[in-house]
C-alpha cells in the first residue's frame, strides 16, 4: 500500500468480506498502524450496502491509508500489482 510504504511501516493488513454472488460488503477488518483512519469509511460503505465493485470504483485520495480499502476491493477482480507502481 503506497501510504504504508511512504511511512516505512508495512505491518498489517486489510481484509474485506463480501457476499458471494452479489459482492455486497459484509465486513472489513483492518489491523495496521493508523487503521482507525480508514475504518469509518468501511462502516459507511457497509451501511450503504455497497458492493466490492462499488468500493473499488470510488475515488480515494492518493497516499492515504483509506486508499487501501480501494486497493483491497480491487483485488476481487484485478491484480493490483499491475495497477500501481507502489502496491506490490
PDB file of N, CA and C in Angstrom:
ATOM      1  N   UNK A   1       0.847  -1.160   0.000  1.00  0.00           N
ATOM      2  CA  UNK A   1       0.000   0.000   0.000  1.00  0.00           C
ATOM      3  C   UNK A   1       0.900   1.232   0.000  1.00  0.00           C
ATOM      4  N   UNK A   2       0.688   2.156  -0.910  1.00  0.00           N
ATOM      5  CA  UNK A   2       1.579   3.300  -1.053  1.00  0.00           C
ATOM      6  C   UNK A   2       1.794   4.108   0.234  1.00  0.00           C
ATOM      7  N   UNK A   3       0.735   4.375   0.999  1.00  0.00           N
ATOM      8  CA  UNK A   3       0.900   5.170   2.220  1.00  0.00           C
ATOM      9  C   UNK A   3       1.785   4.449   3.229  1.00  0.00           C
ATOM     10  N   UNK A   4       1.596   3.152   3.367  1.00  0.00           N
ATOM     11  CA  UNK A   4       2.410   2.371   4.294  1.00  0.00           C
ATOM     12  C   UNK A   4       3.875   2.380   3.863  1.00  0.00           C
ATOM     13  N   UNK A   5       4.110   2.280   2.567  1.00  0.00           N
ATOM     14  CA  UNK A   5       5.485   2.349   2.064  1.00  0.00           C
ATOM     15  C   UNK A   5       6.103   3.709   2.352  1.00  0.00           C
ATOM     16  N   UNK A   6       5.335   4.776   2.164  1.00  0.00           N
ATOM     17  CA  UNK A   6       5.831   6.128   2.452  1.00  0.00           C
ATOM     18  C   UNK A   6       6.125   6.314   3.938  1.00  0.00           C
ATOM     19  N   UNK A   7       5.361   5.624   4.783  1.00  0.00           N
ATOM     20  CA  UNK A   7       5.567   5.697   6.235  1.00  0.00           C
ATOM     21  C   UNK A   7       6.688   4.771   6.714  1.00  0.00           C
ATOM     22  N   UNK A   8       7.239   3.959   5.814  1.00  0.00           N
ATOM     23  CA  UNK A   8       8.243   2.956   6.166  1.00  0.00           C
ATOM     24  C   UNK A   8       7.728   1.995   7.235  1.00  0.00           C
ATOM     25  N   UNK A   9       6.441   1.659   7.148  1.00  0.00           N
ATOM     26  CA  UNK A   9       5.825   0.747   8.112  1.00  0.00           C
ATOM     27  C   UNK A   9       4.725  -0.043   7.405  1.00  0.00           C
ATOM     28  N   UNK A  10       5.075  -1.205   6.908  1.00  0.00           N
ATOM     29  CA  UNK A  10       4.128  -2.003   6.125  1.00  0.00           C
ATOM     30  C   UNK A  10       3.516  -3.146   6.928  1.00  0.00           C
ATOM     31  N   UNK A  11       3.560  -3.051   8.246  1.00  0.00           N
ATOM     32  CA  UNK A  11       2.936  -4.091   9.069  1.00  0.00           C
ATOM     33  C   UNK A  11       1.421  -4.016   8.936  1.00  0.00           C
ATOM     34  N   UNK A  12       0.762  -5.168   8.944  1.00  0.00           N
ATOM     35  CA  UNK A  12      -0.692  -5.204   8.992  1.00  0.00           C
ATOM     36  C   UNK A  12      -1.344  -5.652   7.704  1.00  0.00           C
ATOM     37  N   UNK A  13      -2.689  -5.537   7.706  1.00  0.00           N
ATOM     38  CA  UNK A  13      -3.467  -5.968   6.548  1.00  0.00           C
ATOM     39  C   UNK A  13      -4.853  -5.337   6.588  1.00  0.00           C
ATOM     40  N   UNK A  14      -5.516  -5.384   5.441  1.00  0.00           N
ATOM     41  CA  UNK A  14      -6.927  -5.024   5.315  1.00  0.00           C
ATOM     42  C   UNK A  14      -7.616  -6.234   4.695  1.00  0.00           C
ATOM     43  N   UNK A  15      -8.713  -6.645   5.292  1.00  0.00           N
ATOM     44  CA  UNK A  15      -9.466  -7.803   4.795  1.00  0.00           C
ATOM     45  C   UNK A  15     -10.912  -7.376   4.577  1.00  0.00           C
ATOM     46  N   UNK A  16     -11.445  -7.668   3.409  1.00  0.00           N
ATOM     47  CA  UNK A  16     -12.840  -7.391   3.088  1.00  0.00           C
ATOM     48  C   UNK A  16     -13.571  -8.720   2.925  1.00  0.00           C
ATOM     49  N   UNK A  17     -14.729  -8.826   3.557  1.00  0.00           N
ATOM     50  CA  UNK A  17     -15.585  -9.997   3.405  1.00  0.00           C
ATOM     51  C   UNK A  17     -16.817  -9.548   2.620  1.00  0.00           C
ATOM     52  N   UNK A  18     -17.126 -10.285   1.553  1.00  0.00           N
ATOM     53  CA  UNK A  18     -18.254  -9.925   0.690  1.00  0.00           C
ATOM     54  C   UNK A  18     -19.146 -11.137   0.463  1.00  0.00           C
ATOM     55  N   UNK A  19     -20.397 -10.855   0.206  1.00  0.00           N
ATOM     56  CA  UNK A  19     -21.379 -11.896  -0.083  1.00  0.00           C
ATOM     57  C   UNK A  19     -21.111 -12.496  -1.463  1.00  0.00           C
ATOM     58  N   UNK A  20     -21.107 -13.818  -1.531  1.00  0.00           N
ATOM     59  CA  UNK A  20     -20.921 -14.492  -2.818  1.00  0.00           C
ATOM     60  C   UNK A  20     -22.076 -14.122  -3.741  1.00  0.00           C
ATOM     61  N   UNK A  21     -21.772 -13.930  -4.988  1.00  0.00           N
ATOM     62  CA  UNK A  21     -22.801 -13.598  -5.975  1.00  0.00           C
ATOM     63  C   UNK A  21     -22.999 -12.107  -6.116  1.00  0.00           C
ATOM     64  N   UNK A  22     -23.533 -11.446  -5.079  1.00  0.00           N
ATOM     65  CA  UNK A  22     -23.822 -10.013  -5.176  1.00  0.00           C
ATOM     66  C   UNK A  22     -22.592  -9.150  -4.946  1.00  0.00           C
ATOM     67  N   UNK A  23     -21.625  -9.671  -4.201  1.00  0.00           N
ATOM     68  CA  UNK A  23     -20.442  -8.872  -3.884  1.00  0.00           C
ATOM     69  C   UNK A  23     -20.674  -7.822  -2.813  1.00  0.00           C
ATOM     70  N   UNK A  24     -21.855  -7.862  -2.175  1.00  0.00           N
ATOM     71  CA  UNK A  24     -22.171  -6.859  -1.145  1.00  0.00           C
ATOM     72  C   UNK A  24     -21.211  -7.003   0.029  1.00  0.00           C
ATOM     73  N   UNK A  25     -20.708  -5.863   0.503  1.00  0.00           N
ATOM     74  CA  UNK A  25     -19.783  -5.856   1.630  1.00  0.00           C
ATOM     75  C   UNK A  25     -20.480  -6.351   2.885  1.00  0.00           C
ATOM     76  N   UNK A  26     -19.837  -7.293   3.570  1.00  0.00           N
ATOM     77  CA  UNK A  26     -20.362  -7.825   4.820  1.00  0.00           C
ATOM     78  C   UNK A  26     -19.512  -7.396   6.003  1.00  0.00           C
ATOM     79  N   UNK A  27     -18.237  -7.164   5.773  1.00  0.00           N
ATOM     80  CA  UNK A  27     -17.357  -6.762   6.859  1.00  0.00           C
ATOM     81  C   UNK A  27     -15.996  -6.350   6.359  1.00  0.00           C
ATOM     82  N   UNK A  28     -15.304  -5.593   7.199  1.00  0.00           N
ATOM     83  CA  UNK A  28     -13.938  -5.160   6.904  1.00  0.00           C
ATOM     84  C   UNK A  28     -13.139  -5.275   8.187  1.00  0.00           C
ATOM     85  N   UNK A  29     -11.946  -5.811   8.065  1.00  0.00           N
ATOM     86  CA  UNK A  29     -11.030  -5.886   9.199  1.00  0.00           C
ATOM     87  C   UNK A  29      -9.745  -5.181   8.779  1.00  0.00           C
ATOM     88  N   UNK A  30      -9.275  -4.289   9.619  1.00  0.00           N
ATOM     89  CA  UNK A  30      -8.034  -3.577   9.344  1.00  0.00           C
ATOM     90  C   UNK A  30      -7.159  -3.650  10.588  1.00  0.00           C
ATOM     91  N   UNK A  31      -5.993  -4.222  10.422  1.00  0.00           N
ATOM     92  CA  UNK A  31      -5.030  -4.324  11.510  1.00  0.00           C
ATOM     93  C   UNK A  31      -3.731  -3.728  10.990  1.00  0.00           C
ATOM     94  N   UNK A  32      -3.466  -2.505  11.395  1.00  0.00           N
ATOM     95  CA  UNK A  32      -2.272  -1.803  10.933  1.00  0.00           C
ATOM     96  C   UNK A  32      -2.144  -0.510  11.723  1.00  0.00           C
ATOM     97  N   UNK A  33      -0.927   0.023  11.782  1.00  0.00           N
ATOM     98  CA  UNK A  33      -0.806   1.354  12.370  1.00  0.00           C
ATOM     99  C   UNK A  33      -1.726   2.316  11.614  1.00  0.00           C
ATOM    100  N   UNK A  34      -2.438   3.119  12.314  1.00  0.00           N
ATOM    101  CA  UNK A  34      -3.353   4.119  11.738  1.00  0.00           C
ATOM    102  C   UNK A  34      -4.553   3.493  11.020  1.00  0.00           C
ATOM    103  N   UNK A  35      -4.920   2.276  11.373  1.00  0.00           N
ATOM    104  CA  UNK A  35      -6.093   1.640  10.765  1.00  0.00           C
ATOM    105  C   UNK A  35      -7.364   2.425  11.085  1.00  0.00           C
ATOM    106  N   UNK A  36      -7.371   3.144  12.187  1.00  0.00           N
ATOM    107  CA  UNK A  36      -8.526   3.953  12.547  1.00  0.00           C
ATOM    108  C   UNK A  36      -8.844   5.018  11.518  1.00  0.00           C
ATOM    109  N   UNK A  37      -7.869   5.376  10.693  1.00  0.00           N
ATOM    110  CA  UNK A  37      -8.086   6.351   9.623  1.00  0.00           C
ATOM    111  C   UNK A  37      -9.080   5.858   8.586  1.00  0.00           C
ATOM    112  N   UNK A  38      -9.158   4.554   8.396  1.00  0.00           N
ATOM    113  CA  UNK A  38      -9.967   4.041   7.294  1.00  0.00           C
ATOM    114  C   UNK A  38     -11.229   3.311   7.729  1.00  0.00           C
ATOM    115  N   UNK A  39     -11.340   2.944   8.994  1.00  0.00           N
ATOM    116  CA  UNK A  39     -12.454   2.086   9.385  1.00  0.00           C
ATOM    117  C   UNK A  39     -13.810   2.787   9.260  1.00  0.00           C
ATOM    118  N   UNK A  40     -13.874   4.095   9.493  1.00  0.00           N
ATOM    119  CA  UNK A  40     -15.149   4.791   9.359  1.00  0.00           C
ATOM    120  C   UNK A  40     -15.654   4.763   7.919  1.00  0.00           C
ATOM    121  N   UNK A  41     -14.748   4.870   6.971  1.00  0.00           N
ATOM    122  CA  UNK A  41     -15.135   4.762   5.566  1.00  0.00           C
ATOM    123  C   UNK A  41     -15.698   3.373   5.280  1.00  0.00           C
ATOM    124  N   UNK A  42     -15.089   2.348   5.865  1.00  0.00           N
ATOM    125  CA  UNK A  42     -15.594   0.978   5.697  1.00  0.00           C
ATOM    126  C   UNK A  42     -16.988   0.839   6.299  1.00  0.00           C
ATOM    127  N   UNK A  43     -17.197   1.413   7.480  1.00  0.00           N
ATOM    128  CA  UNK A  43     -18.512   1.355   8.129  1.00  0.00           C
ATOM    129  C   UNK A  43     -19.569   2.004   7.241  1.00  0.00           C
ATOM    130  N   UNK A  44     -19.265   3.161   6.700  1.00  0.00           N
ATOM    131  CA  UNK A  44     -20.227   3.851   5.827  1.00  0.00           C
ATOM    132  C   UNK A  44     -20.528   3.036   4.568  1.00  0.00           C
ATOM    133  N   UNK A  45     -19.509   2.406   4.008  1.00  0.00           N
ATOM    134  CA  UNK A  45     -19.714   1.579   2.807  1.00  0.00           C
ATOM    135  C   UNK A  45     -20.615   0.387   3.116  1.00  0.00           C
ATOM    136  N   UNK A  46     -20.428  -0.225   4.269  1.00  0.00           N
ATOM    137  CA  UNK A  46     -21.265  -1.360   4.657  1.00  0.00           C
ATOM    138  C   UNK A  46     -22.696  -0.902   4.913  1.00  0.00           C
ATOM    139  N   UNK A  47     -22.853   0.208   5.627  1.00  0.00           N
ATOM    140  CA  UNK A  47     -24.197   0.726   5.917  1.00  0.00           C
ATOM    141  C   UNK A  47     -24.938   1.143   4.650  1.00  0.00           C
ATOM    142  N   UNK A  48     -24.191   1.588   3.644  1.00  0.00           N
ATOM    143  CA  UNK A  48     -24.793   1.983   2.368  1.00  0.00           C
ATOM    144  C   UNK A  48     -25.048   0.775   1.465  1.00  0.00           C
ATOM    145  N   UNK A  49     -24.739  -0.423   1.983  1.00  0.00           N
ATOM    146  CA  UNK A  49     -24.944  -1.669   1.248  1.00  0.00           C
ATOM    147  C   UNK A  49     -24.184  -1.688  -0.083  1.00  0.00           C
ATOM    148  N   UNK A  50     -22.980  -1.131  -0.066  1.00  0.00           N
ATOM    149  CA  UNK A  50     -22.150  -1.113  -1.265  1.00  0.00           C
ATOM    150  C   UNK A  50     -21.606  -2.501  -1.562  1.00  0.00           C
ATOM    151  N   UNK A  51     -21.304  -2.715  -2.821  1.00  0.00           N
ATOM    152  CA  UNK A  51     -20.647  -3.958  -3.230  1.00  0.00           C
ATOM    153  C   UNK A  51     -19.133  -3.709  -3.285  1.00  0.00           C
ATOM    154  N   UNK A  52     -18.408  -4.790  -3.422  1.00  0.00           N
ATOM    155  CA  UNK A  52     -16.956  -4.673  -3.578  1.00  0.00           C
ATOM    156  C   UNK A  52     -16.642  -3.830  -4.811  1.00  0.00           C
ATOM    157  N   UNK A  53     -17.393  -4.036  -5.880  1.00  0.00           N
ATOM    158  CA  UNK A  53     -17.162  -3.265  -7.100  1.00  0.00           C
ATOM    159  C   UNK A  53     -17.456  -1.783  -6.887  1.00  0.00           C
ATOM    160  N   UNK A  54     -18.515  -1.470  -6.136  1.00  0.00           N
ATOM    161  CA  UNK A  54     -18.806  -0.069  -5.814  1.00  0.00           C
ATOM    162  C   UNK A  54     -17.620   0.566  -5.095  1.00  0.00           C
ATOM    163  N   UNK A  55     -17.082  -0.135  -4.117  1.00  0.00           N
ATOM    164  CA  UNK A  55     -15.948   0.384  -3.353  1.00  0.00           C
ATOM    165  C   UNK A  55     -14.710   0.517  -4.232  1.00  0.00           C
ATOM    166  N   UNK A  56     -14.485  -0.453  -5.085  1.00  0.00           N
ATOM    167  CA  UNK A  56     -13.325  -0.417  -5.984  1.00  0.00           C
ATOM    168  C   UNK A  56     -13.404   0.741  -6.970  1.00  0.00           C
ATOM    169  N   UNK A  57     -14.604   1.199  -7.281  1.00  0.00           N
ATOM    170  CA  UNK A  57     -14.788   2.285  -8.251  1.00  0.00           C
ATOM    171  C   UNK A  57     -14.802   3.680  -7.624  1.00  0.00           C
ATOM    172  N   UNK A  58     -14.731   3.762  -6.300  1.00  0.00           N
ATOM    173  CA  UNK A  58     -14.750   5.063  -5.622  1.00  0.00           C
ATOM    174  C   UNK A  58     -13.422   5.792  -5.810  1.00  0.00           C
ATOM    175  N   UNK A  59     -13.478   7.108  -5.694  1.00  0.00           N
ATOM    176  CA  UNK A  59     -12.265   7.920  -5.717  1.00  0.00           C
ATOM    177  C   UNK A  59     -11.762   8.069  -4.287  1.00  0.00           C
ATOM    178  N   UNK A  60     -10.492   7.766  -4.076  1.00  0.00           N
ATOM    179  CA  UNK A  60      -9.860   7.940  -2.778  1.00  0.00           C
ATOM    180  C   UNK A  60      -8.613   8.784  -2.967  1.00  0.00           C
ATOM    181  N   UNK A  61      -8.308   9.641  -2.015  1.00  0.00           N
ATOM    182  CA  UNK A  61      -7.089  10.448  -2.148  1.00  0.00           C
ATOM    183  C   UNK A  61      -5.854   9.553  -2.176  1.00  0.00           C
ATOM    184  N   UNK A  62      -4.951   9.866  -3.083  1.00  0.00           N
ATOM    185  CA  UNK A  62      -3.709   9.111  -3.188  1.00  0.00           C
ATOM    186  C   UNK A  62      -2.822   9.400  -1.985  1.00  0.00           C
ATOM    187  N   UNK A  63      -2.160   8.400  -1.564  1.00  0.00           N
ATOM    188  CA  UNK A  63      -1.219   8.419  -0.462  1.00  0.00           C
ATOM    189  C   UNK A  63      -1.903   8.644   0.885  1.00  0.00           C
ATOM    190  N   UNK A  64      -3.043   7.968   1.041  1.00  0.00           N
ATOM    191  CA  UNK A  64      -3.725   7.946   2.338  1.00  0.00           C
ATOM    192  C   UNK A  64      -3.968   6.490   2.711  1.00  0.00           C
ATOM    193  N   UNK A  65      -4.179   6.246   3.981  1.00  0.00           N
ATOM    194  CA  UNK A  65      -4.465   4.880   4.424  1.00  0.00           C
ATOM    195  C   UNK A  65      -5.780   4.373   3.844  1.00  0.00           C
ATOM    196  N   UNK A  66      -6.763   5.250   3.710  1.00  0.00           N
ATOM    197  CA  UNK A  66      -8.077   4.836   3.221  1.00  0.00           C
ATOM    198  C   UNK A  66      -8.018   4.339   1.773  1.00  0.00           C
ATOM    199  N   UNK A  67      -7.017   4.749   1.035  1.00  0.00           N
ATOM    200  CA  UNK A  67      -6.836   4.240  -0.329  1.00  0.00           C
ATOM    201  C   UNK A  67      -6.661   2.719  -0.307  1.00  0.00           C
ATOM    202  N   UNK A  68      -6.196   2.185   0.803  1.00  0.00           N
ATOM    203  CA  UNK A  68      -6.033   0.743   0.943  1.00  0.00           C
ATOM    204  C   UNK A  68      -7.340  -0.016   0.803  1.00  0.00           C
ATOM    205  N   UNK A  69      -8.461   0.612   1.197  1.00  0.00           N
ATOM    206  CA  UNK A  69      -9.769  -0.024   1.003  1.00  0.00           C
ATOM    207  C   UNK A  69     -10.046  -0.255  -0.474  1.00  0.00           C
ATOM    208  N   UNK A  70      -9.755   0.755  -1.273  1.00  0.00           N
ATOM    209  CA  UNK A  70      -9.978   0.632  -2.714  1.00  0.00           C
ATOM    210  C   UNK A  70      -9.077  -0.458  -3.301  1.00  0.00           C
ATOM    211  N   UNK A  71      -7.804  -0.443  -2.929  1.00  0.00           N
ATOM    212  CA  UNK A  71      -6.882  -1.449  -3.440  1.00  0.00           C
ATOM    213  C   UNK A  71      -7.318  -2.855  -3.035  1.00  0.00           C
ATOM    214  N   UNK A  72      -7.763  -2.995  -1.800  1.00  0.00           N
ATOM    215  CA  UNK A  72      -8.237  -4.298  -1.327  1.00  0.00           C
ATOM    216  C   UNK A  72      -9.468  -4.736  -2.114  1.00  0.00           C
ATOM    217  N   UNK A  73     -10.406  -3.831  -2.335  1.00  0.00           N
ATOM    218  CA  UNK A  73     -11.613  -4.148  -3.103  1.00  0.00           C
ATOM    219  C   UNK A  73     -11.261  -4.525  -4.539  1.00  0.00           C
ATOM    220  N   UNK A  74     -10.262  -3.872  -5.101  1.00  0.00           N
ATOM    221  CA  UNK A  74      -9.865  -4.167  -6.477  1.00  0.00           C
ATOM    222  C   UNK A  74      -9.270  -5.560  -6.621  1.00  0.00           C
ATOM    223  N   UNK A  75      -8.751  -6.131  -5.538  1.00  0.00           N
ATOM    224  CA  UNK A  75      -8.151  -7.464  -5.639  1.00  0.00           C
ATOM    225  C   UNK A  75      -9.184  -8.547  -5.914  1.00  0.00           C
ATOM    226  N   UNK A  76     -10.468  -8.238  -5.753  1.00  0.00           N
ATOM    227  CA  UNK A  76     -11.505  -9.226  -6.059  1.00  0.00           C
ATOM    228  C   UNK A  76     -11.571  -9.511  -7.561  1.00  0.00           C
ATOM    229  N   UNK A  77     -11.153  -8.536  -8.369  1.00  0.00           N
ATOM    230  CA  UNK A  77     -11.250  -8.716  -9.825  1.00  0.00           C
ATOM    231  C   UNK A  77      -9.967  -8.416 -10.584  1.00  0.00           C
ATOM    232  N   UNK A  78      -8.967  -7.836  -9.915  1.00  0.00           N
ATOM    233  CA  UNK A  78      -7.738  -7.423 -10.615  1.00  0.00           C
ATOM    234  C   UNK A  78      -6.509  -7.747  -9.786  1.00  0.00           C
ATOM    235  N   UNK A  79      -5.394  -7.822 -10.448  1.00  0.00           N
ATOM    236  CA  UNK A  79      -4.098  -7.955  -9.799  1.00  0.00           C
ATOM    237  C   UNK A  79      -3.578  -6.547  -9.551  1.00  0.00           C
ATOM    238  N   UNK A  80      -3.651  -6.080  -8.294  1.00  0.00           N
ATOM    239  CA  UNK A  80      -3.294  -4.685  -8.006  1.00  0.00           C
ATOM    240  C   UNK A  80      -1.823  -4.401  -8.255  1.00  0.00           C
ATOM    241  N   UNK A  81      -0.980  -5.411  -8.275  1.00  0.00           N
ATOM    242  CA  UNK A  81       0.426  -5.134  -8.583  1.00  0.00           C
ATOM    243  C   UNK A  81       0.583  -4.628 -10.007  1.00  0.00           C
ATOM    244  N   UNK A  82      -0.418  -4.884 -10.849  1.00  0.00           N
ATOM    245  CA  UNK A  82      -0.410  -4.377 -12.208  1.00  0.00           C
ATOM    246  C   UNK A  82      -1.014  -2.972 -12.329  1.00  0.00           C
ATOM    247  N   UNK A  83      -1.633  -2.479 -11.258  1.00  0.00           N
ATOM    248  CA  UNK A  83      -2.315  -1.186 -11.300  1.00  0.00           C
ATOM    249  C   UNK A  83      -1.507  -0.045 -10.719  1.00  0.00           C
ATOM    250  N   UNK A  84      -0.648  -0.335  -9.765  1.00  0.00           N
ATOM    251  CA  UNK A  84       0.051   0.725  -9.041  1.00  0.00           C
ATOM    252  C   UNK A  84       1.535   0.415  -8.974  1.00  0.00           C
ATOM    253  N   UNK A  85       2.319   1.440  -9.135  1.00  0.00           N
ATOM    254  CA  UNK A  85       3.767   1.266  -9.017  1.00  0.00           C
ATOM    255  C   UNK A  85       4.169   0.921  -7.588  1.00  0.00           C
ATOM    256  N   UNK A  86       3.330   1.258  -6.629  1.00  0.00           N
ATOM    257  CA  UNK A  86       3.698   1.120  -5.222  1.00  0.00           C
ATOM    258  C   UNK A  86       2.927   0.030  -4.488  1.00  0.00           C
ATOM    259  N   UNK A  87       1.940  -0.586  -5.094  1.00  0.00           N
ATOM    260  CA  UNK A  87       1.075  -1.525  -4.385  1.00  0.00           C
ATOM    261  C   UNK A  87       1.743  -2.867  -4.138  1.00  0.00           C
ATOM    262  N   UNK A  88       2.690  -3.246  -4.964  1.00  0.00           N
ATOM    263  CA  UNK A  88       3.310  -4.550  -4.819  1.00  0.00           C
ATOM    264  C   UNK A  88       4.421  -4.510  -3.871  1.00  0.00           C
TER     265      UNK A  88
END
